[in-house]
Amino acid sequence: MATRKRIYRQGDVWIYSITEKEFTERRKRAIHRDERKGLILAEGEVTGHHHRIPEGGRLYDDEQRNEVRLLSASRPISLQHEEHETIEIPAGKYEVRIQREYAPEVPSRQTRVYD
């Protein structure tokens, strides 16, 4: 029986649970933690606010997909943002995506959504 994926969303950040195997196959290089802010999942270009995990977790580039990151949490973590409620995420392996804006008049053009 297939395991149902858990999905967490905070603004334009989407976090999908993935299996340990998927994580291991796709994990590339680690992304460094900002000493003051923690792990930055997305930066607000307009507001300067950040979707961030202040403590715990490790973030990696995805070997298979550009602009997708992988998150590993060995214990529960908190996703914080100045304009959204904090989200508690259980320990696990995750894929992190940033919502994209779709332009139907030019289907090949998709742009990132910025705060």
N, C-alpha and C. Protein backbone atom coordinates (compact mmCIF):
# COMPACT_ATOMS: atom_id res chain seq x y z
N MET A 1 0.84 -1.18 0.00
CA MET A 1 0.00 0.00 0.00
C MET A 1 0.89 1.25 0.00
N ALA A 2 0.58 2.20 -0.85
CA ALA A 2 1.36 3.43 -0.96
C ALA A 2 1.13 4.30 0.26
N THR A 3 2.20 4.92 0.73
CA THR A 3 2.10 5.82 1.85
C THR A 3 1.67 7.19 1.35
N ARG A 4 0.73 7.78 2.02
CA ARG A 4 0.24 9.10 1.63
C ARG A 4 1.29 10.16 1.97
N LYS A 5 1.59 11.02 1.01
CA LYS A 5 2.57 12.08 1.22
C LYS A 5 1.97 13.18 2.08
N ARG A 6 2.76 13.68 2.98
CA ARG A 6 2.36 14.84 3.78
C ARG A 6 2.81 16.09 3.04
N ILE A 7 1.98 17.11 3.07
CA ILE A 7 2.29 18.37 2.40
C ILE A 7 2.11 19.49 3.41
N TYR A 8 3.08 20.38 3.45
CA TYR A 8 3.03 21.55 4.32
C TYR A 8 3.21 22.77 3.43
N ARG A 9 2.46 23.83 3.73
CA ARG A 9 2.56 25.04 2.91
C ARG A 9 2.60 26.26 3.81
N GLN A 10 3.51 27.15 3.47
CA GLN A 10 3.58 28.45 4.15
C GLN A 10 3.82 29.49 3.06
N GLY A 11 2.78 30.23 2.70
CA GLY A 11 2.89 31.20 1.61
C GLY A 11 3.25 30.50 0.32
N ASP A 12 4.35 30.93 -0.31
CA ASP A 12 4.77 30.35 -1.58
C ASP A 12 5.73 29.17 -1.43
N VAL A 13 5.94 28.71 -0.20
CA VAL A 13 6.81 27.55 0.05
C VAL A 13 5.95 26.31 0.29
N TRP A 14 6.24 25.26 -0.49
CA TRP A 14 5.55 23.97 -0.37
C TRP A 14 6.58 22.93 0.04
N ILE A 15 6.24 22.10 1.03
CA ILE A 15 7.13 21.05 1.52
C ILE A 15 6.39 19.73 1.44
N TYR A 16 6.98 18.78 0.69
CA TYR A 16 6.38 17.47 0.45
C TYR A 16 7.23 16.39 1.10
N SER A 17 6.60 15.47 1.81
CA SER A 17 7.36 14.36 2.38
C SER A 17 7.82 13.44 1.25
N ILE A 18 9.02 12.90 1.38
CA ILE A 18 9.56 11.93 0.42
C ILE A 18 10.16 10.78 1.20
N THR A 19 10.46 9.70 0.51
CA THR A 19 11.03 8.54 1.18
C THR A 19 12.53 8.73 1.39
N GLU A 20 13.06 7.94 2.28
CA GLU A 20 14.50 7.94 2.54
C GLU A 20 15.26 7.61 1.26
N LYS A 21 14.73 6.67 0.48
CA LYS A 21 15.38 6.27 -0.77
C LYS A 21 15.40 7.43 -1.77
N GLU A 22 14.27 8.11 -1.94
CA GLU A 22 14.22 9.27 -2.83
C GLU A 22 15.23 10.33 -2.39
N PHE A 23 15.27 10.58 -1.11
CA PHE A 23 16.18 11.58 -0.57
C PHE A 23 17.63 11.22 -0.88
N THR A 24 18.00 9.99 -0.60
CA THR A 24 19.38 9.54 -0.82
C THR A 24 19.77 9.61 -2.30
N GLU A 25 18.87 9.21 -3.18
CA GLU A 25 19.16 9.22 -4.62
C GLU A 25 19.29 10.64 -5.18
N ARG A 26 18.58 11.59 -4.60
CA ARG A 26 18.52 12.93 -5.16
C ARG A 26 19.40 13.96 -4.46
N ARG A 27 19.87 13.65 -3.28
CA ARG A 27 20.64 14.62 -2.49
C ARG A 27 21.95 14.96 -3.20
N LYS A 28 22.23 16.24 -3.29
CA LYS A 28 23.46 16.70 -3.91
C LYS A 28 24.33 17.35 -2.83
N ARG A 29 24.63 18.60 -2.96
CA ARG A 29 25.51 19.27 -1.99
C ARG A 29 24.69 20.00 -0.92
N ALA A 30 25.26 20.08 0.26
CA ALA A 30 24.59 20.75 1.37
C ALA A 30 24.59 22.26 1.16
N ILE A 31 23.55 22.91 1.62
CA ILE A 31 23.43 24.36 1.58
C ILE A 31 23.70 24.86 2.99
N HIS A 32 24.56 25.84 3.09
CA HIS A 32 25.00 26.31 4.41
C HIS A 32 23.90 27.09 5.14
N ARG A 33 23.93 26.95 6.42
CA ARG A 33 23.00 27.63 7.33
C ARG A 33 23.51 29.05 7.58
N ASP A 34 22.62 30.02 7.52
CA ASP A 34 22.94 31.40 7.89
C ASP A 34 23.08 31.42 9.41
N GLU A 35 24.19 31.89 9.91
CA GLU A 35 24.47 31.86 11.36
C GLU A 35 23.41 32.61 12.18
N ARG A 36 22.84 33.65 11.64
CA ARG A 36 21.85 34.43 12.39
C ARG A 36 20.42 34.01 12.12
N LYS A 37 20.11 33.62 10.88
CA LYS A 37 18.73 33.36 10.50
C LYS A 37 18.35 31.89 10.45
N GLY A 38 19.32 31.00 10.31
CA GLY A 38 19.03 29.57 10.20
C GLY A 38 19.02 29.13 8.75
N LEU A 39 18.28 28.08 8.44
CA LEU A 39 18.15 27.60 7.06
C LEU A 39 17.12 28.46 6.34
N ILE A 40 17.53 29.08 5.25
CA ILE A 40 16.64 29.94 4.48
C ILE A 40 16.06 29.12 3.34
N LEU A 41 14.74 28.89 3.36
CA LEU A 41 14.08 28.15 2.28
C LEU A 41 13.70 29.08 1.14
N ALA A 42 13.32 30.31 1.46
CA ALA A 42 12.97 31.29 0.44
C ALA A 42 13.17 32.68 1.02
N GLU A 43 13.67 33.59 0.19
CA GLU A 43 13.89 34.97 0.61
C GLU A 43 12.88 35.87 -0.07
N GLY A 44 12.32 36.78 0.69
CA GLY A 44 11.39 37.74 0.13
C GLY A 44 12.15 38.85 -0.58
N GLU A 45 11.99 38.92 -1.89
CA GLU A 45 12.68 39.93 -2.68
C GLU A 45 12.16 41.34 -2.38
N VAL A 46 10.87 41.45 -2.11
CA VAL A 46 10.27 42.77 -1.89
C VAL A 46 10.31 43.14 -0.41
N THR A 47 9.86 42.24 0.46
CA THR A 47 9.73 42.55 1.88
C THR A 47 11.00 42.32 2.69
N GLY A 48 11.89 41.48 2.19
CA GLY A 48 13.09 41.13 2.95
C GLY A 48 12.83 40.07 4.00
N HIS A 49 11.60 39.56 4.06
CA HIS A 49 11.27 38.49 5.00
C HIS A 49 11.76 37.16 4.45
N HIS A 50 11.91 36.19 5.34
CA HIS A 50 12.44 34.88 4.96
C HIS A 50 11.56 33.75 5.47
N HIS A 51 11.39 32.72 4.66
CA HIS A 51 10.83 31.45 5.13
C HIS A 51 12.06 30.71 5.64
N ARG A 52 12.10 30.44 6.93
CA ARG A 52 13.34 29.91 7.51
C ARG A 52 13.08 28.90 8.62
N ILE A 53 14.08 28.08 8.83
CA ILE A 53 14.07 27.11 9.92
C ILE A 53 15.22 27.53 10.83
N PRO A 54 14.90 28.16 11.97
CA PRO A 54 15.96 28.71 12.82
C PRO A 54 16.90 27.67 13.43
N GLU A 55 16.38 26.50 13.75
CA GLU A 55 17.21 25.46 14.37
C GLU A 55 16.86 24.10 13.80
N GLY A 56 17.89 23.25 13.68
CA GLY A 56 17.68 21.89 13.21
C GLY A 56 17.55 21.81 11.70
N GLY A 57 17.55 20.60 11.22
CA GLY A 57 17.41 20.35 9.79
C GLY A 57 18.66 20.63 9.00
N ARG A 58 18.72 20.03 7.82
CA ARG A 58 19.80 20.26 6.85
C ARG A 58 19.16 20.38 5.48
N LEU A 59 19.68 21.30 4.69
CA LEU A 59 19.13 21.59 3.37
C LEU A 59 20.15 21.23 2.30
N TYR A 60 19.67 20.63 1.20
CA TYR A 60 20.54 20.18 0.12
C TYR A 60 19.96 20.59 -1.23
N ASP A 61 20.84 20.75 -2.21
CA ASP A 61 20.39 20.89 -3.60
C ASP A 61 19.89 19.54 -4.06
N ASP A 62 18.98 19.56 -5.04
CA ASP A 62 18.42 18.34 -5.61
C ASP A 62 19.20 17.97 -6.87
N GLU A 63 19.69 16.76 -6.93
CA GLU A 63 20.47 16.27 -8.07
C GLU A 63 19.65 16.25 -9.36
N GLN A 64 18.34 16.03 -9.25
CA GLN A 64 17.50 15.81 -10.43
C GLN A 64 16.73 17.04 -10.90
N ARG A 65 16.49 17.99 -10.02
CA ARG A 65 15.64 19.13 -10.39
C ARG A 65 16.25 20.44 -9.94
N ASN A 66 16.35 21.39 -10.88
CA ASN A 66 16.80 22.73 -10.53
C ASN A 66 15.71 23.42 -9.73
N GLU A 67 16.11 24.30 -8.86
CA GLU A 67 15.21 25.10 -8.04
C GLU A 67 14.37 24.28 -7.06
N VAL A 68 14.71 23.01 -6.87
CA VAL A 68 14.08 22.19 -5.84
C VAL A 68 15.18 21.86 -4.83
N ARG A 69 14.82 21.91 -3.58
CA ARG A 69 15.78 21.58 -2.53
C ARG A 69 15.24 20.42 -1.72
N LEU A 70 16.13 19.77 -1.02
CA LEU A 70 15.76 18.64 -0.16
C LEU A 70 16.06 19.01 1.28
N LEU A 71 15.18 18.63 2.17
CA LEU A 71 15.29 18.95 3.58
C LEU A 71 15.30 17.67 4.39
N SER A 72 16.24 17.57 5.32
CA SER A 72 16.32 16.44 6.22
C SER A 72 16.18 16.96 7.65
N ALA A 73 15.25 16.37 8.39
CA ALA A 73 15.02 16.77 9.78
C ALA A 73 15.06 15.54 10.67
N SER A 74 16.06 15.45 11.53
CA SER A 74 16.16 14.30 12.42
C SER A 74 15.27 14.45 13.65
N ARG A 75 14.72 15.62 13.83
CA ARG A 75 13.77 15.90 14.92
C ARG A 75 12.77 16.92 14.40
N PRO A 76 11.65 17.14 15.08
CA PRO A 76 10.68 18.13 14.61
C PRO A 76 11.34 19.51 14.47
N ILE A 77 10.91 20.25 13.45
CA ILE A 77 11.45 21.58 13.18
C ILE A 77 10.31 22.58 13.00
N SER A 78 10.64 23.86 13.11
CA SER A 78 9.66 24.94 12.94
C SER A 78 10.01 25.74 11.71
N LEU A 79 9.01 25.97 10.85
CA LEU A 79 9.16 26.83 9.68
C LEU A 79 8.55 28.18 10.05
N GLN A 80 9.37 29.24 10.00
CA GLN A 80 8.92 30.55 10.45
C GLN A 80 8.97 31.57 9.31
N HIS A 81 8.11 32.57 9.42
CA HIS A 81 8.07 33.70 8.50
C HIS A 81 7.38 34.84 9.23
N GLU A 82 7.81 36.06 8.97
CA GLU A 82 7.29 37.22 9.67
C GLU A 82 5.79 37.46 9.42
N GLU A 83 5.27 37.02 8.28
CA GLU A 83 3.87 37.30 7.94
C GLU A 83 2.97 36.07 7.97
N HIS A 84 3.49 34.93 8.39
CA HIS A 84 2.71 33.70 8.43
C HIS A 84 2.84 33.04 9.80
N GLU A 85 1.87 32.19 10.12
CA GLU A 85 1.98 31.42 11.35
C GLU A 85 3.12 30.41 11.23
N THR A 86 3.77 30.13 12.33
CA THR A 86 4.83 29.13 12.36
C THR A 86 4.21 27.75 12.12
N ILE A 87 4.88 26.94 11.33
CA ILE A 87 4.42 25.58 11.03
C ILE A 87 5.39 24.60 11.67
N GLU A 88 4.86 23.64 12.39
CA GLU A 88 5.68 22.58 12.98
C GLU A 88 5.70 21.41 12.01
N ILE A 89 6.90 20.96 11.67
CA ILE A 89 7.09 19.87 10.71
C ILE A 89 7.77 18.72 11.42
N PRO A 90 7.19 17.50 11.35
CA PRO A 90 7.79 16.36 12.04
C PRO A 90 9.12 15.94 11.41
N ALA A 91 9.89 15.18 12.15
CA ALA A 91 11.14 14.63 11.63
C ALA A 91 10.84 13.86 10.35
N GLY A 92 11.75 13.93 9.39
CA GLY A 92 11.57 13.20 8.14
C GLY A 92 12.40 13.77 7.02
N LYS A 93 12.12 13.31 5.81
CA LYS A 93 12.81 13.76 4.60
C LYS A 93 11.77 14.47 3.73
N TYR A 94 12.17 15.59 3.12
CA TYR A 94 11.22 16.43 2.41
C TYR A 94 11.82 17.03 1.14
N GLU A 95 10.93 17.33 0.21
CA GLU A 95 11.25 18.10 -0.98
C GLU A 95 10.66 19.49 -0.77
N VAL A 96 11.44 20.52 -1.05
CA VAL A 96 11.00 21.90 -0.86
C VAL A 96 10.86 22.56 -2.23
N ARG A 97 9.68 23.08 -2.52
CA ARG A 97 9.42 23.77 -3.78
C ARG A 97 8.91 25.18 -3.50
N ILE A 98 9.26 26.08 -4.41
CA ILE A 98 8.75 27.44 -4.33
C ILE A 98 7.71 27.59 -5.44
N GLN A 99 6.54 28.11 -5.08
CA GLN A 99 5.45 28.27 -6.04
C GLN A 99 5.92 29.10 -7.22
N ARG A 100 5.44 28.70 -8.41
CA ARG A 100 5.80 29.40 -9.64
C ARG A 100 4.55 30.03 -10.23
N GLU A 101 4.75 31.15 -10.90
CA GLU A 101 3.66 31.85 -11.57
C GLU A 101 3.60 31.38 -13.01
N TYR A 102 2.42 30.97 -13.43
CA TYR A 102 2.23 30.44 -14.78
C TYR A 102 1.59 31.50 -15.66
N ALA A 103 2.17 31.72 -16.84
CA ALA A 103 1.62 32.69 -17.80
C ALA A 103 1.03 31.91 -18.98
N PRO A 104 -0.30 31.76 -19.07
CA PRO A 104 -0.89 30.95 -20.13
C PRO A 104 -0.58 31.45 -21.54
N GLU A 105 -0.32 32.74 -21.69
CA GLU A 105 0.00 33.25 -23.01
C GLU A 105 1.39 32.82 -23.48
N VAL A 106 2.25 32.45 -22.55
CA VAL A 106 3.60 31.95 -22.88
C VAL A 106 3.84 30.72 -22.00
N PRO A 107 3.29 29.55 -22.36
CA PRO A 107 3.37 28.36 -21.50
C PRO A 107 4.78 27.94 -21.11
N SER A 108 5.76 28.25 -21.93
CA SER A 108 7.13 27.84 -21.62
C SER A 108 7.75 28.75 -20.57
N ARG A 109 7.12 29.88 -20.28
CA ARG A 109 7.68 30.81 -19.30
C ARG A 109 6.97 30.66 -17.96
N GLN A 110 7.73 30.29 -16.98
CA GLN A 110 7.23 30.25 -15.61
C GLN A 110 8.22 31.02 -14.76
N THR A 111 7.72 31.82 -13.88
CA THR A 111 8.60 32.60 -13.01
C THR A 111 8.28 32.31 -11.56
N ARG A 112 9.28 32.44 -10.73
CA ARG A 112 9.09 32.26 -9.30
C ARG A 112 8.20 33.34 -8.73
N VAL A 113 7.41 32.98 -7.76
CA VAL A 113 6.59 33.95 -7.04
C VAL A 113 7.45 34.50 -5.93
N TYR A 114 7.46 35.81 -5.78
CA TYR A 114 8.26 36.46 -4.73
C TYR A 114 7.35 37.18 -3.76
N ASP A 115 7.73 37.15 -2.48
CA ASP A 115 6.99 37.90 -1.45
C ASP A 115 7.19 39.38 -1.69
